[in-house]
């Protein structure tokens, strides 16, 4: 296998080289996709660009294809000014760095955005007016998670709420599917169930359980202005006890030609309906 750093070229159009990467990464195989709990390997143009636009200080290392040098000039100049290491590498090395071919020519090691507590997140919200959040009860597939993040960013969701024991975390795959949406929607760690519901209701939120069937027709239901949709797992659906503890239960009606929508598609429908009604 080629050494990615020996194959890197530095055309005159590129800014001067930034701080070199640590010696342990200068030879042999590219580093593995995981960088520890506090770092994340992003890939894909929109994911990396959104990170740079919102949190440039989180950028730790950058790897890019030579063809992207002109397009990434602002980011490369920022790297030089802030002594952040970057390398121009071959396509095969980008494939290894990202562990996928779907990297669109750019890979970055970044610091994860901090996960907020419920109290911290509530303090960031306006005291009045419509607010929408998603409670993800068991969603685990990174591509579904990424699609949910993309829809959530598009429709202005204020936060994604995760149960205390949830292992779901942003991955490179989810961030790429989100197409930049991962930087627009904060992740929030909930306390235990009774406390979480109590805090949300005290802040004026109503909780709507989303069921495959058996709930009120979404398009006829009276939805509160400040709303949390509670979304179930991809296969098993929502926990029934949690659904009963919510203020209302809704289902998306359809033709019956298929059993149901998957969780990412259902989320897009739910968010679109709320967004249209809030106006």
C-alpha atoms as a PDB file:
ATOM      1  CA  UNK A   1       0.000   0.000   0.000  1.00  0.00           C
ATOM      2  CA  UNK A   2       1.244   3.464  -0.811  1.00  0.00           C
ATOM      3  CA  UNK A   3       2.238   5.834   1.946  1.00  0.00           C
ATOM      4  CA  UNK A   4      -0.410   8.604   1.720  1.00  0.00           C
ATOM      5  CA  UNK A   5       2.001  11.304   2.818  1.00  0.00           C
ATOM      6  CA  UNK A   6       4.680  10.407   0.232  1.00  0.00           C
ATOM      7  CA  UNK A   7       2.077  10.570  -2.508  1.00  0.00           C
ATOM      8  CA  UNK A   8       0.800  13.979  -1.438  1.00  0.00           C
ATOM      9  CA  UNK A   9       1.676  16.821  -3.814  1.00  0.00           C
ATOM     10  CA  UNK A  10       1.839  20.508  -3.128  1.00  0.00           C
ATOM     11  CA  UNK A  11       0.982  22.498  -6.250  1.00  0.00           C
ATOM     12  CA  UNK A  12       1.923  26.152  -6.259  1.00  0.00           C
ATOM     13  CA  UNK A  13      -1.767  27.094  -6.130  1.00  0.00           C
ATOM     14  CA  UNK A  14      -2.000  25.690  -2.635  1.00  0.00           C
ATOM     15  CA  UNK A  15      -1.235  27.766   0.491  1.00  0.00           C
ATOM     16  CA  UNK A  16       1.916  26.892   2.439  1.00  0.00           C
ATOM     17  CA  UNK A  17       1.776  23.651   4.371  1.00  0.00           C
ATOM     18  CA  UNK A  18       0.210  23.840   7.804  1.00  0.00           C
ATOM     19  CA  UNK A  19       1.535  22.248  10.980  1.00  0.00           C
ATOM     20  CA  UNK A  20       2.684  18.697  10.150  1.00  0.00           C
ATOM     21  CA  UNK A  21       0.616  15.811  11.451  1.00  0.00           C
ATOM     22  CA  UNK A  22       2.084  13.830  14.372  1.00  0.00           C
ATOM     23  CA  UNK A  23       4.903  11.430  13.424  1.00  0.00           C
ATOM     24  CA  UNK A  24       2.835   8.319  14.189  1.00  0.00           C
ATOM     25  CA  UNK A  25       0.558   9.279  11.274  1.00  0.00           C
ATOM     26  CA  UNK A  26       3.309  10.074   8.789  1.00  0.00           C
ATOM     27  CA  UNK A  27       3.821   6.554   7.491  1.00  0.00           C
ATOM     28  CA  UNK A  28       2.092   3.212   7.052  1.00  0.00           C
ATOM     29  CA  UNK A  29      -1.672   2.852   6.899  1.00  0.00           C
ATOM     30  CA  UNK A  30      -4.006   5.833   7.311  1.00  0.00           C
ATOM     31  CA  UNK A  31      -5.391   6.109  10.850  1.00  0.00           C
ATOM     32  CA  UNK A  32      -8.598   4.175  11.557  1.00  0.00           C
ATOM     33  CA  UNK A  33     -12.006   5.883  11.306  1.00  0.00           C
ATOM     34  CA  UNK A  34     -12.510   6.185  15.075  1.00  0.00           C
ATOM     35  CA  UNK A  35     -10.572   8.857  16.984  1.00  0.00           C
ATOM     36  CA  UNK A  36     -11.944   8.437  20.511  1.00  0.00           C
ATOM     37  CA  UNK A  37     -15.110   9.582  22.197  1.00  0.00           C
ATOM     38  CA  UNK A  38     -14.337  13.286  21.875  1.00  0.00           C
ATOM     39  CA  UNK A  39     -13.402  13.202  18.170  1.00  0.00           C
ATOM     40  CA  UNK A  40     -15.277  12.259  15.025  1.00  0.00           C
ATOM     41  CA  UNK A  41     -14.142  11.535  11.483  1.00  0.00           C
ATOM     42  CA  UNK A  42     -16.350  13.483   9.067  1.00  0.00           C
ATOM     43  CA  UNK A  43     -16.475  13.010   5.318  1.00  0.00           C
ATOM     44  CA  UNK A  44     -18.520  14.453   2.488  1.00  0.00           C
ATOM     45  CA  UNK A  45     -18.477  18.016   1.195  1.00  0.00           C
ATOM     46  CA  UNK A  46     -21.590  19.361   2.953  1.00  0.00           C
ATOM     47  CA  UNK A  47     -20.776  17.724   6.292  1.00  0.00           C
ATOM     48  CA  UNK A  48     -17.242  19.128   6.406  1.00  0.00           C
ATOM     49  CA  UNK A  49     -18.241  22.545   5.050  1.00  0.00           C
ATOM     50  CA  UNK A  50     -21.039  22.912   7.626  1.00  0.00           C
ATOM     51  CA  UNK A  51     -18.571  22.097  10.394  1.00  0.00           C
ATOM     52  CA  UNK A  52     -16.149  24.710   9.079  1.00  0.00           C
ATOM     53  CA  UNK A  53     -18.847  27.379   8.796  1.00  0.00           C
ATOM     54  CA  UNK A  54     -20.283  26.823  12.289  1.00  0.00           C
ATOM     55  CA  UNK A  55     -17.383  25.469  14.381  1.00  0.00           C
ATOM     56  CA  UNK A  56     -14.051  25.972  12.591  1.00  0.00           C
ATOM     57  CA  UNK A  57     -12.200  25.695  15.909  1.00  0.00           C
ATOM     58  CA  UNK A  58     -13.329  22.044  16.081  1.00  0.00           C
ATOM     59  CA  UNK A  59     -11.249  21.111  13.014  1.00  0.00           C
ATOM     60  CA  UNK A  60      -8.217  19.008  13.930  1.00  0.00           C
ATOM     61  CA  UNK A  61      -6.959  17.446  10.669  1.00  0.00           C
ATOM     62  CA  UNK A  62      -8.026  17.710   7.054  1.00  0.00           C
ATOM     63  CA  UNK A  63      -7.423  15.333   4.134  1.00  0.00           C
ATOM     64  CA  UNK A  64      -8.475  16.249   0.596  1.00  0.00           C
ATOM     65  CA  UNK A  65      -8.231  15.265  -3.044  1.00  0.00           C
ATOM     66  CA  UNK A  66      -6.103  17.499  -5.260  1.00  0.00           C
ATOM     67  CA  UNK A  67      -9.165  18.420  -7.344  1.00  0.00           C
ATOM     68  CA  UNK A  68     -10.744  20.130  -4.307  1.00  0.00           C
ATOM     69  CA  UNK A  69      -7.853  22.521  -3.645  1.00  0.00           C
ATOM     70  CA  UNK A  70      -9.498  25.508  -5.420  1.00  0.00           C
ATOM     71  CA  UNK A  71     -12.889  24.884  -3.811  1.00  0.00           C
ATOM     72  CA  UNK A  72     -11.409  24.519  -0.317  1.00  0.00           C
ATOM     73  CA  UNK A  73      -9.139  27.573  -0.410  1.00  0.00           C
ATOM     74  CA  UNK A  74     -10.890  29.367   2.513  1.00  0.00           C
ATOM     75  CA  UNK A  75     -10.608  26.271   4.687  1.00  0.00           C
ATOM     76  CA  UNK A  76      -6.978  25.649   3.738  1.00  0.00           C
ATOM     77  CA  UNK A  77      -6.025  29.250   4.480  1.00  0.00           C
ATOM     78  CA  UNK A  78      -7.749  28.957   7.849  1.00  0.00           C
ATOM     79  CA  UNK A  79      -5.766  25.786   8.535  1.00  0.00           C
ATOM     80  CA  UNK A  80      -2.494  27.578   7.757  1.00  0.00           C
ATOM     81  CA  UNK A  81      -3.397  30.563   9.940  1.00  0.00           C
ATOM     82  CA  UNK A  82      -4.420  28.321  12.843  1.00  0.00           C
ATOM     83  CA  UNK A  83      -1.707  25.650  12.491  1.00  0.00           C
ATOM     84  CA  UNK A  84      -4.139  22.850  11.683  1.00  0.00           C
ATOM     85  CA  UNK A  85      -2.549  20.019   9.694  1.00  0.00           C
ATOM     86  CA  UNK A  86      -3.859  19.046   6.267  1.00  0.00           C
ATOM     87  CA  UNK A  87      -2.732  16.733   3.467  1.00  0.00           C
ATOM     88  CA  UNK A  88      -3.546  16.273  -0.191  1.00  0.00           C
ATOM     89  CA  UNK A  89      -3.934  12.497  -0.687  1.00  0.00           C
ATOM     90  CA  UNK A  90      -4.930  10.026  -3.365  1.00  0.00           C
ATOM     91  CA  UNK A  91      -8.444   8.668  -3.871  1.00  0.00           C
ATOM     92  CA  UNK A  92      -7.530   5.257  -2.467  1.00  0.00           C
ATOM     93  CA  UNK A  93      -6.214   6.794   0.726  1.00  0.00           C
ATOM     94  CA  UNK A  94      -9.389   8.846   1.143  1.00  0.00           C
ATOM     95  CA  UNK A  95     -11.351   5.606   0.774  1.00  0.00           C
ATOM     96  CA  UNK A  96      -9.323   4.094   3.617  1.00  0.00           C
ATOM     97  CA  UNK A  97      -9.530   7.174   5.811  1.00  0.00           C
ATOM     98  CA  UNK A  98     -13.316   7.347   5.481  1.00  0.00           C
ATOM     99  CA  UNK A  99     -13.810   3.569   5.295  1.00  0.00           C
ATOM    100  CA  UNK A 100     -16.123   4.266   2.353  1.00  0.00           C
ATOM    101  CA  UNK A 101     -15.997   5.596  -1.195  1.00  0.00           C
ATOM    102  CA  UNK A 102     -18.718   8.155  -0.386  1.00  0.00           C
ATOM    103  CA  UNK A 103     -16.376  10.874   0.868  1.00  0.00           C
ATOM    104  CA  UNK A 104     -16.656  13.346  -2.062  1.00  0.00           C
ATOM    105  CA  UNK A 105     -12.952  14.059  -1.856  1.00  0.00           C
ATOM    106  CA  UNK A 106     -12.687  15.408   1.686  1.00  0.00           C
ATOM    107  CA  UNK A 107     -12.237  13.867   5.141  1.00  0.00           C
ATOM    108  CA  UNK A 108     -11.760  15.684   8.440  1.00  0.00           C
ATOM    109  CA  UNK A 109     -11.019  14.756  12.040  1.00  0.00           C
ATOM    110  CA  UNK A 110     -13.032  17.081  14.278  1.00  0.00           C
ATOM    111  CA  UNK A 111     -13.986  17.573  17.905  1.00  0.00           C
ATOM    112  CA  UNK A 112     -17.555  16.510  18.594  1.00  0.00           C
ATOM    113  CA  UNK A 113     -20.080  19.156  19.534  1.00  0.00           C
ATOM    114  CA  UNK A 114     -20.904  18.795  23.231  1.00  0.00           C
ATOM    115  CA  UNK A 115     -24.168  17.061  24.089  1.00  0.00           C
ATOM    116  CA  UNK A 116     -26.417  19.334  26.144  1.00  0.00           C
ATOM    117  CA  UNK A 117     -28.319  18.379  29.262  1.00  0.00           C
ATOM    118  CA  UNK A 118     -32.075  18.913  29.089  1.00  0.00           C
ATOM    119  CA  UNK A 119     -31.839  21.880  31.467  1.00  0.00           C
ATOM    120  CA  UNK A 120     -29.079  23.486  29.377  1.00  0.00           C
ATOM    121  CA  UNK A 121     -31.075  22.996  26.191  1.00  0.00           C
ATOM    122  CA  UNK A 122     -34.277  24.434  27.678  1.00  0.00           C
ATOM    123  CA  UNK A 123     -32.338  27.544  28.690  1.00  0.00           C
ATOM    124  CA  UNK A 124     -31.432  28.169  25.037  1.00  0.00           C
ATOM    125  CA  UNK A 125     -35.059  28.233  23.840  1.00  0.00           C
ATOM    126  CA  UNK A 126     -37.274  31.278  23.370  1.00  0.00           C
ATOM    127  CA  UNK A 127     -39.770  31.721  26.191  1.00  0.00           C
ATOM    128  CA  UNK A 128     -42.716  31.836  23.795  1.00  0.00           C
ATOM    129  CA  UNK A 129     -43.667  30.844  20.273  1.00  0.00           C
ATOM    130  CA  UNK A 130     -43.607  27.518  18.427  1.00  0.00           C
ATOM    131  CA  UNK A 131     -40.787  25.086  19.189  1.00  0.00           C
ATOM    132  CA  UNK A 132     -40.418  21.520  17.925  1.00  0.00           C
ATOM    133  CA  UNK A 133     -38.156  18.755  19.225  1.00  0.00           C
ATOM    134  CA  UNK A 134     -37.708  15.055  18.497  1.00  0.00           C
ATOM    135  CA  UNK A 135     -37.341  12.395  21.176  1.00  0.00           C
ATOM    136  CA  UNK A 136     -35.600   9.388  19.605  1.00  0.00           C
ATOM    137  CA  UNK A 137     -36.652   6.287  21.526  1.00  0.00           C
ATOM    138  CA  UNK A 138     -34.444   3.511  20.168  1.00  0.00           C
ATOM    139  CA  UNK A 139     -33.424   4.837  16.729  1.00  0.00           C
ATOM    140  CA  UNK A 140     -30.045   3.263  15.996  1.00  0.00           C
ATOM    141  CA  UNK A 141     -29.387   2.987  12.241  1.00  0.00           C
ATOM    142  CA  UNK A 142     -26.848   5.699  11.283  1.00  0.00           C
ATOM    143  CA  UNK A 143     -28.412   6.298   7.869  1.00  0.00           C
ATOM    144  CA  UNK A 144     -31.858   6.775   9.419  1.00  0.00           C
ATOM    145  CA  UNK A 145     -30.275   9.021  12.038  1.00  0.00           C
ATOM    146  CA  UNK A 146     -28.593  11.076   9.326  1.00  0.00           C
ATOM    147  CA  UNK A 147     -31.830  11.372   7.337  1.00  0.00           C
ATOM    148  CA  UNK A 148     -33.657  12.474  10.497  1.00  0.00           C
ATOM    149  CA  UNK A 149     -30.998  15.116  11.147  1.00  0.00           C
ATOM    150  CA  UNK A 150     -31.325  16.397   7.581  1.00  0.00           C
ATOM    151  CA  UNK A 151     -35.122  16.709   7.864  1.00  0.00           C
ATOM    152  CA  UNK A 152     -34.811  18.221  11.335  1.00  0.00           C
ATOM    153  CA  UNK A 153     -32.452  20.922  10.084  1.00  0.00           C
ATOM    154  CA  UNK A 154     -34.693  21.644   7.084  1.00  0.00           C
ATOM    155  CA  UNK A 155     -37.797  22.121   9.227  1.00  0.00           C
ATOM    156  CA  UNK A 156     -36.127  24.020  12.058  1.00  0.00           C
ATOM    157  CA  UNK A 157     -36.223  21.409  14.812  1.00  0.00           C
ATOM    158  CA  UNK A 158     -34.745  22.851  18.006  1.00  0.00           C
ATOM    159  CA  UNK A 159     -33.145  19.651  19.296  1.00  0.00           C
ATOM    160  CA  UNK A 160     -32.895  15.864  19.177  1.00  0.00           C
ATOM    161  CA  UNK A 161     -33.557  14.383  22.605  1.00  0.00           C
ATOM    162  CA  UNK A 162     -31.867  11.080  23.505  1.00  0.00           C
ATOM    163  CA  UNK A 163     -32.832   8.845  26.462  1.00  0.00           C
ATOM    164  CA  UNK A 164     -30.262   8.466  29.264  1.00  0.00           C
ATOM    165  CA  UNK A 165     -29.212   4.951  28.276  1.00  0.00           C
ATOM    166  CA  UNK A 166     -29.162   5.503  24.510  1.00  0.00           C
ATOM    167  CA  UNK A 167     -25.944   4.572  22.710  1.00  0.00           C
ATOM    168  CA  UNK A 168     -26.857   6.582  19.615  1.00  0.00           C
ATOM    169  CA  UNK A 169     -24.162   9.095  18.685  1.00  0.00           C
ATOM    170  CA  UNK A 170     -23.252  11.018  15.580  1.00  0.00           C
ATOM    171  CA  UNK A 171     -21.057   9.011  13.196  1.00  0.00           C
ATOM    172  CA  UNK A 172     -19.339   9.947   9.968  1.00  0.00           C
ATOM    173  CA  UNK A 173     -21.978   8.021   8.020  1.00  0.00           C
ATOM    174  CA  UNK A 174     -24.847   9.821   9.768  1.00  0.00           C
ATOM    175  CA  UNK A 175     -23.212  13.226   9.275  1.00  0.00           C
ATOM    176  CA  UNK A 176     -22.701  12.590   5.557  1.00  0.00           C
ATOM    177  CA  UNK A 177     -26.345  11.548   5.077  1.00  0.00           C
ATOM    178  CA  UNK A 178     -27.419  14.635   7.063  1.00  0.00           C
ATOM    179  CA  UNK A 179     -25.696  16.837   4.409  1.00  0.00           C
ATOM    180  CA  UNK A 180     -24.704  19.492   6.971  1.00  0.00           C
ATOM    181  CA  UNK A 181     -27.782  19.098   9.161  1.00  0.00           C
ATOM    182  CA  UNK A 182     -25.779  17.590  12.017  1.00  0.00           C
ATOM    183  CA  UNK A 183     -24.276  21.010  12.767  1.00  0.00           C
ATOM    184  CA  UNK A 184     -27.686  22.720  12.832  1.00  0.00           C
ATOM    185  CA  UNK A 185     -29.516  20.542  15.375  1.00  0.00           C
ATOM    186  CA  UNK A 186     -28.154  20.061  18.905  1.00  0.00           C
ATOM    187  CA  UNK A 187     -28.199  16.665  20.603  1.00  0.00           C
ATOM    188  CA  UNK A 188     -29.670  16.632  24.101  1.00  0.00           C
ATOM    189  CA  UNK A 189     -29.235  13.957  26.788  1.00  0.00           C
ATOM    190  CA  UNK A 190     -32.450  13.394  28.737  1.00  0.00           C
ATOM    191  CA  UNK A 191     -32.619  12.558  32.440  1.00  0.00           C
ATOM    192  CA  UNK A 192     -34.701   9.590  33.605  1.00  0.00           C
ATOM    193  CA  UNK A 193     -38.183   9.334  32.092  1.00  0.00           C
ATOM    194  CA  UNK A 194     -40.361  10.939  34.812  1.00  0.00           C
ATOM    195  CA  UNK A 195     -37.971  13.861  35.272  1.00  0.00           C
ATOM    196  CA  UNK A 196     -37.621  14.394  31.517  1.00  0.00           C
ATOM    197  CA  UNK A 197     -41.379  14.517  30.989  1.00  0.00           C
ATOM    198  CA  UNK A 198     -41.847  16.786  33.985  1.00  0.00           C
ATOM    199  CA  UNK A 199     -39.206  19.264  32.795  1.00  0.00           C
ATOM    200  CA  UNK A 200     -40.561  19.319  29.252  1.00  0.00           C
ATOM    201  CA  UNK A 201     -44.143  19.873  30.381  1.00  0.00           C
ATOM    202  CA  UNK A 202     -43.045  22.591  32.801  1.00  0.00           C
ATOM    203  CA  UNK A 203     -41.444  24.327  29.797  1.00  0.00           C
ATOM    204  CA  UNK A 204     -44.783  24.228  27.959  1.00  0.00           C
ATOM    205  CA  UNK A 205     -44.215  21.203  25.740  1.00  0.00           C
ATOM    206  CA  UNK A 206     -46.785  18.604  24.824  1.00  0.00           C
ATOM    207  CA  UNK A 207     -45.526  15.111  24.022  1.00  0.00           C
ATOM    208  CA  UNK A 208     -46.928  13.223  21.026  1.00  0.00           C
ATOM    209  CA  UNK A 209     -46.196   9.510  20.686  1.00  0.00           C
ATOM    210  CA  UNK A 210     -45.932   8.481  17.021  1.00  0.00           C
ATOM    211  CA  UNK A 211     -47.467   5.053  16.388  1.00  0.00           C
ATOM    212  CA  UNK A 212     -47.628   2.917  13.267  1.00  0.00           C
ATOM    213  CA  UNK A 213     -51.345   2.449  13.938  1.00  0.00           C
ATOM    214  CA  UNK A 214     -53.852   3.034  16.700  1.00  0.00           C
ATOM    215  CA  UNK A 215     -53.146   6.727  17.180  1.00  0.00           C
ATOM    216  CA  UNK A 216     -55.239   9.727  16.199  1.00  0.00           C
ATOM    217  CA  UNK A 217     -55.044  10.814  12.567  1.00  0.00           C
ATOM    218  CA  UNK A 218     -52.025  13.137  12.448  1.00  0.00           C
ATOM    219  CA  UNK A 219     -53.659  15.438   9.923  1.00  0.00           C
ATOM    220  CA  UNK A 220     -56.750  15.930  12.096  1.00  0.00           C
ATOM    221  CA  UNK A 221     -55.039  16.085  15.502  1.00  0.00           C
ATOM    222  CA  UNK A 222     -54.758  19.311  17.480  1.00  0.00           C
ATOM    223  CA  UNK A 223     -51.016  19.727  18.021  1.00  0.00           C
ATOM    224  CA  UNK A 224     -49.611  22.061  20.684  1.00  0.00           C
ATOM    225  CA  UNK A 225     -47.455  25.018  19.667  1.00  0.00           C
ATOM    226  CA  UNK A 226     -44.511  23.639  21.642  1.00  0.00           C
ATOM    227  CA  UNK A 227     -44.285  19.991  20.706  1.00  0.00           C
ATOM    228  CA  UNK A 228     -42.059  16.947  21.196  1.00  0.00           C
ATOM    229  CA  UNK A 229     -42.615  14.094  18.755  1.00  0.00           C
ATOM    230  CA  UNK A 230     -41.532  10.799  20.350  1.00  0.00           C
ATOM    231  CA  UNK A 231     -40.155   8.476  17.660  1.00  0.00           C
ATOM    232  CA  UNK A 232     -39.833   4.710  18.081  1.00  0.00           C
ATOM    233  CA  UNK A 233     -37.174   2.255  16.975  1.00  0.00           C
ATOM    234  CA  UNK A 234     -36.836   1.148  13.350  1.00  0.00           C
ATOM    235  CA  UNK A 235     -38.102  -2.395  13.851  1.00  0.00           C
ATOM    236  CA  UNK A 236     -39.911  -2.653  17.165  1.00  0.00           C
ATOM    237  CA  UNK A 237     -41.602   0.739  17.123  1.00  0.00           C
ATOM    238  CA  UNK A 238     -42.301   2.752  20.257  1.00  0.00           C
ATOM    239  CA  UNK A 239     -42.276   1.444  23.780  1.00  0.00           C
ATOM    240  CA  UNK A 240     -45.993   1.146  24.596  1.00  0.00           C
ATOM    241  CA  UNK A 241     -45.632   2.322  28.192  1.00  0.00           C
ATOM    242  CA  UNK A 242     -43.824   5.438  26.987  1.00  0.00           C
ATOM    243  CA  UNK A 243     -46.516   5.998  24.365  1.00  0.00           C
ATOM    244  CA  UNK A 244     -49.250   5.850  26.998  1.00  0.00           C
ATOM    245  CA  UNK A 245     -47.392   8.355  29.177  1.00  0.00           C
ATOM    246  CA  UNK A 246     -47.411  10.906  26.347  1.00  0.00           C
ATOM    247  CA  UNK A 247     -50.098  13.579  26.075  1.00  0.00           C
ATOM    248  CA  UNK A 248     -51.380  12.319  22.728  1.00  0.00           C
ATOM    249  CA  UNK A 249     -50.764   9.488  20.290  1.00  0.00           C
ATOM    250  CA  UNK A 250     -50.750  10.085  16.539  1.00  0.00           C
ATOM    251  CA  UNK A 251     -50.442   7.916  13.435  1.00  0.00           C
ATOM    252  CA  UNK A 252     -49.822   8.824   9.803  1.00  0.00           C
ATOM    253  CA  UNK A 253     -52.734   7.592   7.664  1.00  0.00           C
ATOM    254  CA  UNK A 254     -52.014   6.059   4.270  1.00  0.00           C
ATOM    255  CA  UNK A 255     -53.337   3.809   1.529  1.00  0.00           C
ATOM    256  CA  UNK A 256     -52.458   0.559   3.308  1.00  0.00           C
ATOM    257  CA  UNK A 257     -50.417  -0.637   0.329  1.00  0.00           C
ATOM    258  CA  UNK A 258     -47.436  -0.955   2.687  1.00  0.00           C
ATOM    259  CA  UNK A 259     -47.437  -1.630   6.395  1.00  0.00           C
ATOM    260  CA  UNK A 260     -45.778   1.643   7.394  1.00  0.00           C
ATOM    261  CA  UNK A 261     -43.136   4.242   6.626  1.00  0.00           C
ATOM    262  CA  UNK A 262     -39.646   3.776   7.998  1.00  0.00           C
ATOM    263  CA  UNK A 263     -38.709   6.044  10.880  1.00  0.00           C
ATOM    264  CA  UNK A 264     -36.802   8.561   8.742  1.00  0.00           C
ATOM    265  CA  UNK A 265     -39.618   8.916   6.190  1.00  0.00           C
ATOM    266  CA  UNK A 266     -42.239   9.134   8.944  1.00  0.00           C
ATOM    267  CA  UNK A 267     -40.195  11.854  10.663  1.00  0.00           C
ATOM    268  CA  UNK A 268     -40.124  13.942   7.486  1.00  0.00           C
ATOM    269  CA  UNK A 269     -43.925  13.712   7.208  1.00  0.00           C
ATOM    270  CA  UNK A 270     -44.431  14.635  10.872  1.00  0.00           C
ATOM    271  CA  UNK A 271     -42.069  17.597  10.702  1.00  0.00           C
ATOM    272  CA  UNK A 272     -43.539  18.878   7.459  1.00  0.00           C
ATOM    273  CA  UNK A 273     -47.048  18.780   8.921  1.00  0.00           C
ATOM    274  CA  UNK A 274     -46.003  20.688  12.060  1.00  0.00           C
ATOM    275  CA  UNK A 275     -44.037  23.243  10.036  1.00  0.00           C
ATOM    276  CA  UNK A 276     -47.016  23.913   7.764  1.00  0.00           C
ATOM    277  CA  UNK A 277     -49.389  24.386  10.699  1.00  0.00           C
ATOM    278  CA  UNK A 278     -47.143  26.665  12.728  1.00  0.00           C
ATOM    279  CA  UNK A 279     -47.254  29.285   9.984  1.00  0.00           C
END
